[in-house]
Each structure stands twice: as structure tokens, then as C-alpha cells.
Amino acid sequence: MLRGIDVSAYQSSSYDTDGLSFVFIKATEGRSYINPKLAAQTKRARDAGLVVGFYHFLWPGNLSAQADYFVSKAPEKAGDVLAVDWETTSEGTHASNAEKDLFIRKLKEKRPNNPVVLYSNRHYWLNVDTTSYAGDGLWIADYVTAGKPRIQANWRFHQYTDNPLDRNVANFSSKAALREWAENA
């Protein structure tokens, strides 16, 4: 299993990269929020030679506008991974299954040289999701032993803790295999 983290504006732009193979960086949310540390956090990851992913926190409604907003803010580089963060918003709502699926498809159209994955917590995957559509792969959050999420689906990434920060593993044999998947998904 490869080790990685995900970061947002809550984390430092000089996060520790020792022992990591990848990082996911929050880029945007809805149609108006952009991570103020996006550029610096991206530079840190690229300087460390990590496989880089960017995620968008999905809100219900205005899917085309959200997709346009995300791709206008997330750096465009072939081989970077794009992720859709599908969970409950601060208003207690969430995008529907159809909206989640449409958003993933729109990202794949707008960024054909980037794999697109779905980030979902275990509860959403088991109890809210009805389509099992995760684009090019599932990034599952389940706070248990790293690499052993309690789901029956195939997954690419597993967020296994948020203490002291979001830590993940990737289901690839090597960093080269992860990079090859990201460049050819």
C-alpha cells in the first residue's frame, strides 16, 4: 500500500511529505470557494515528486457551473487525479446520486487526460449511493485499519484516519504503478 494525505486550507502549505507517494489537495467547493493555499500546497507536492490529486466539494444544483468552476481553478496537468467529494454540506444537504454521476461525467469530458474518482464515506457508499458509479475509481473514507475498508466494492484510495490529519493509502503496487494509472486511466 502506498501512503498519502489529503490537505485543505486547514493544513499548512509546508506539510510533511516524507514517506508519501501522493497527496489530494482541496481546490474548490460549490461555485465560489477556492482553497487560498492551493498554489502553495500544489507546489509542495510537485517539488516532492508526489502524484497529485485535486478535489471539489460537491453541492447540490448547478452541476455545469460547479464543474466549470473546478476545472478553471484546479491546475491542469495530465496525470493529476481529480476527485469529487460527495458528502453532507454545511447546510445539511447533499448532491443526489444523479447529480454526483453527472458531475463525474462532466469532469471526464472537460479533463479527458485526468482520471476522475469519487470520494465517499462508508455511510454514503452503503446507504445513500444507489448507482455505484465512481468514475475511474473509488476513494473510500472508513476509519479503520489502513487498507481494510469495510465495503465490498473495489477501491483505489482509502482514507483511514483524520487524526492528526487525513491519512490515506492507495491500492497500487508501487508509486510508478499509481503514476501509470493516473496517466492512462
Protein backbone atom coordinates (compact mmCIF):
# COMPACT_ATOMS: atom_id res chain seq x y z
CA MET A 1 0.00 0.00 0.00
CA LEU A 2 1.17 3.49 -0.84
CA ARG A 3 0.88 6.25 1.74
CA GLY A 4 -0.66 9.65 1.12
CA ILE A 5 -2.58 12.50 2.70
CA ASP A 6 -5.22 14.99 1.75
CA VAL A 7 -4.97 18.65 2.67
CA SER A 8 -7.13 21.75 2.58
CA ALA A 9 -6.86 25.32 3.86
CA TYR A 10 -6.83 23.87 7.39
CA GLN A 11 -3.36 22.40 6.82
CA SER A 12 -0.03 24.11 6.34
CA SER A 13 1.42 24.71 2.89
CA SER A 14 4.64 23.13 4.17
CA TYR A 15 3.11 19.78 5.15
CA ASP A 16 5.45 16.85 5.71
CA THR A 17 5.96 14.78 2.54
CA ASP A 18 8.33 12.15 3.97
CA GLY A 19 7.20 8.64 3.10
CA LEU A 20 4.32 9.85 0.92
CA SER A 21 3.56 8.83 -2.66
CA PHE A 22 0.53 11.03 -3.26
CA VAL A 23 -1.49 13.97 -1.97
CA PHE A 24 -5.01 15.17 -2.65
CA ILE A 25 -5.49 18.93 -2.31
CA LYS A 26 -8.85 20.63 -1.86
CA ALA A 27 -9.26 23.04 -4.75
CA THR A 28 -12.85 24.22 -4.70
CA GLU A 29 -16.30 23.91 -3.19
CA GLY A 30 -19.61 24.78 -4.77
CA ARG A 31 -19.34 27.70 -7.19
CA SER A 32 -17.45 30.26 -5.12
CA TYR A 33 -14.88 28.78 -2.71
CA ILE A 34 -11.26 28.27 -3.66
CA ASN A 35 -8.61 26.99 -1.27
CA PRO A 36 -6.39 30.03 -0.58
CA LYS A 37 -3.39 27.70 -0.12
CA LEU A 38 -3.98 25.77 -3.38
CA ALA A 39 -0.93 27.09 -5.26
CA ALA A 40 1.48 26.67 -2.35
CA GLN A 41 0.19 23.21 -1.41
CA THR A 42 0.41 22.12 -5.06
CA LYS A 43 4.00 23.40 -5.35
CA ARG A 44 4.95 21.48 -2.20
CA ALA A 45 3.56 18.23 -3.65
CA ARG A 46 5.15 18.69 -7.07
CA ASP A 47 8.52 19.63 -5.54
CA ALA A 48 8.40 16.36 -3.55
CA GLY A 49 7.63 14.36 -6.70
CA LEU A 50 4.25 13.16 -5.43
CA VAL A 51 1.31 12.08 -7.56
CA VAL A 52 -1.09 14.99 -7.16
CA GLY A 53 -4.87 14.99 -6.94
CA PHE A 54 -7.34 17.83 -6.57
CA TYR A 55 -10.80 17.58 -5.10
CA HIS A 56 -14.03 19.54 -5.33
CA PHE A 57 -16.58 19.51 -2.52
CA LEU A 58 -19.84 18.97 -4.38
CA TRP A 59 -23.00 20.89 -3.55
CA PRO A 60 -26.43 20.08 -4.96
CA GLY A 61 -27.51 22.04 -8.04
CA ASN A 62 -25.72 23.96 -10.78
CA LEU A 63 -23.59 20.98 -11.81
CA SER A 64 -22.28 22.54 -15.02
CA ALA A 65 -21.30 25.73 -13.21
CA GLN A 66 -19.57 23.73 -10.46
CA ALA A 67 -17.67 21.62 -13.00
CA ASP A 68 -16.59 24.73 -14.89
CA TYR A 69 -15.52 26.38 -11.65
CA PHE A 70 -13.50 23.36 -10.51
CA VAL A 71 -11.63 22.89 -13.79
CA SER A 72 -10.96 26.64 -14.00
CA LYS A 73 -9.23 26.57 -10.59
CA ALA A 74 -7.61 23.12 -10.35
CA PRO A 75 -4.25 23.09 -12.15
CA GLU A 76 -4.42 21.26 -15.46
CA LYS A 77 -1.70 18.68 -15.88
CA ALA A 78 -2.06 15.25 -17.48
CA GLY A 79 -1.73 12.56 -14.84
CA ASP A 80 -3.18 14.58 -11.99
CA VAL A 81 -6.17 12.92 -10.36
CA LEU A 82 -9.48 14.76 -9.96
CA ALA A 83 -11.83 13.81 -7.15
CA VAL A 84 -15.44 14.57 -6.34
CA ASP A 85 -16.01 14.90 -2.59
CA TRP A 86 -19.61 13.71 -2.07
CA GLU A 87 -20.89 14.14 1.45
CA THR A 88 -23.19 16.30 3.57
CA THR A 89 -22.78 20.05 3.12
CA SER A 90 -22.66 22.59 5.94
CA GLU A 91 -26.36 23.19 5.25
CA GLY A 92 -27.19 19.52 5.84
CA THR A 93 -27.89 18.78 2.17
CA HIS A 94 -26.08 16.68 -0.40
CA ALA A 95 -25.98 16.25 -4.14
CA SER A 96 -28.24 13.49 -5.40
CA ASN A 97 -26.95 10.30 -6.98
CA ALA A 98 -27.86 11.66 -10.41
CA GLU A 99 -26.02 14.91 -9.69
CA LYS A 100 -22.95 13.07 -8.42
CA ASP A 101 -22.89 10.84 -11.51
CA LEU A 102 -23.44 13.76 -13.89
CA PHE A 103 -20.67 15.79 -12.22
CA ILE A 104 -18.19 12.92 -12.61
CA ARG A 105 -19.14 12.57 -16.29
CA LYS A 106 -18.79 16.33 -16.86
CA LEU A 107 -15.31 16.29 -15.32
CA LYS A 108 -14.30 13.37 -17.54
CA GLU A 109 -15.49 15.34 -20.59
CA LYS A 110 -13.72 18.54 -19.53
CA ARG A 111 -10.49 16.86 -18.45
CA PRO A 112 -10.04 13.70 -20.56
CA ASN A 113 -6.36 13.43 -19.56
CA ASN A 114 -7.15 13.14 -15.86
CA PRO A 115 -8.69 10.22 -14.02
CA VAL A 116 -11.75 11.18 -12.00
CA VAL A 117 -12.54 9.39 -8.73
CA LEU A 118 -15.34 9.60 -6.20
CA TYR A 119 -14.60 10.36 -2.56
CA SER A 120 -17.31 8.95 -0.32
CA ASN A 121 -17.53 7.96 3.29
CA ARG A 122 -18.63 4.44 4.12
CA HIS A 123 -22.12 5.56 5.21
CA TYR A 124 -22.77 7.32 1.89
CA TRP A 125 -21.41 4.41 -0.13
CA LEU A 126 -23.56 1.85 1.68
CA ASN A 127 -26.72 3.86 2.44
CA VAL A 128 -27.00 6.87 0.12
CA ASP A 129 -25.40 5.71 -3.12
CA THR A 130 -27.74 3.85 -5.47
CA THR A 131 -25.65 3.75 -8.67
CA SER A 132 -22.18 2.61 -7.53
CA TYR A 133 -20.75 4.96 -10.15
CA ALA A 134 -17.35 6.24 -9.09
CA GLY A 135 -15.78 7.24 -12.41
CA ASP A 136 -12.27 5.81 -12.63
CA GLY A 137 -12.14 4.68 -9.02
CA LEU A 138 -13.47 4.89 -5.50
CA TRP A 139 -11.76 6.81 -2.70
CA ILE A 140 -13.48 5.50 0.42
CA ALA A 141 -13.36 7.03 3.90
CA ASP A 142 -13.69 4.47 6.67
CA TYR A 143 -11.73 5.00 9.88
CA VAL A 144 -10.40 1.50 10.43
CA THR A 145 -7.15 -0.31 9.71
CA ALA A 146 -5.37 1.19 6.69
CA GLY A 147 -6.23 -0.71 3.53
CA LYS A 148 -9.15 -2.59 5.09
CA PRO A 149 -12.28 -0.50 4.49
CA ARG A 150 -15.50 -2.28 5.41
CA ILE A 151 -17.05 -2.36 1.93
CA GLN A 152 -17.41 -4.98 -0.78
CA ALA A 153 -16.52 -2.66 -3.68
CA ASN A 154 -13.17 -2.29 -5.37
CA TRP A 155 -11.43 0.86 -4.24
CA ARG A 156 -8.33 2.81 -5.28
CA PHE A 157 -7.80 5.01 -2.22
CA HIS A 158 -8.72 4.55 1.44
CA GLN A 159 -8.85 7.42 3.94
CA TYR A 160 -8.39 5.57 7.22
CA THR A 161 -7.98 8.37 9.78
CA ASP A 162 -8.32 12.11 10.23
CA ASN A 163 -6.12 12.29 13.31
CA PRO A 164 -3.95 14.36 13.33
CA LEU A 165 -4.69 14.83 9.61
CA ASP A 166 -6.38 12.93 6.79
CA ARG A 167 -4.21 9.90 6.03
CA ASN A 168 -4.79 7.60 3.10
CA VAL A 169 -3.43 4.52 1.40
CA ALA A 170 -3.62 3.71 -2.30
CA ASN A 171 -4.19 0.23 -3.65
CA PHE A 172 -1.24 0.15 -6.06
CA SER A 173 1.91 -1.98 -6.02
CA SER A 174 4.24 1.00 -6.44
CA LYS A 175 4.35 4.74 -6.96
CA ALA A 176 5.24 4.01 -10.60
CA ALA A 177 2.06 1.90 -10.92
CA LEU A 178 -0.01 4.73 -9.41
CA ARG A 179 1.58 7.25 -11.77
CA GLU A 180 0.97 4.97 -14.77
CA TRP A 181 -2.70 4.53 -13.79
CA ALA A 182 -3.09 8.30 -13.32
CA GLU A 183 -1.57 8.98 -16.74
CA ASN A 184 -3.58 6.31 -18.57
CA ALA A 185 -6.93 5.93 -16.74
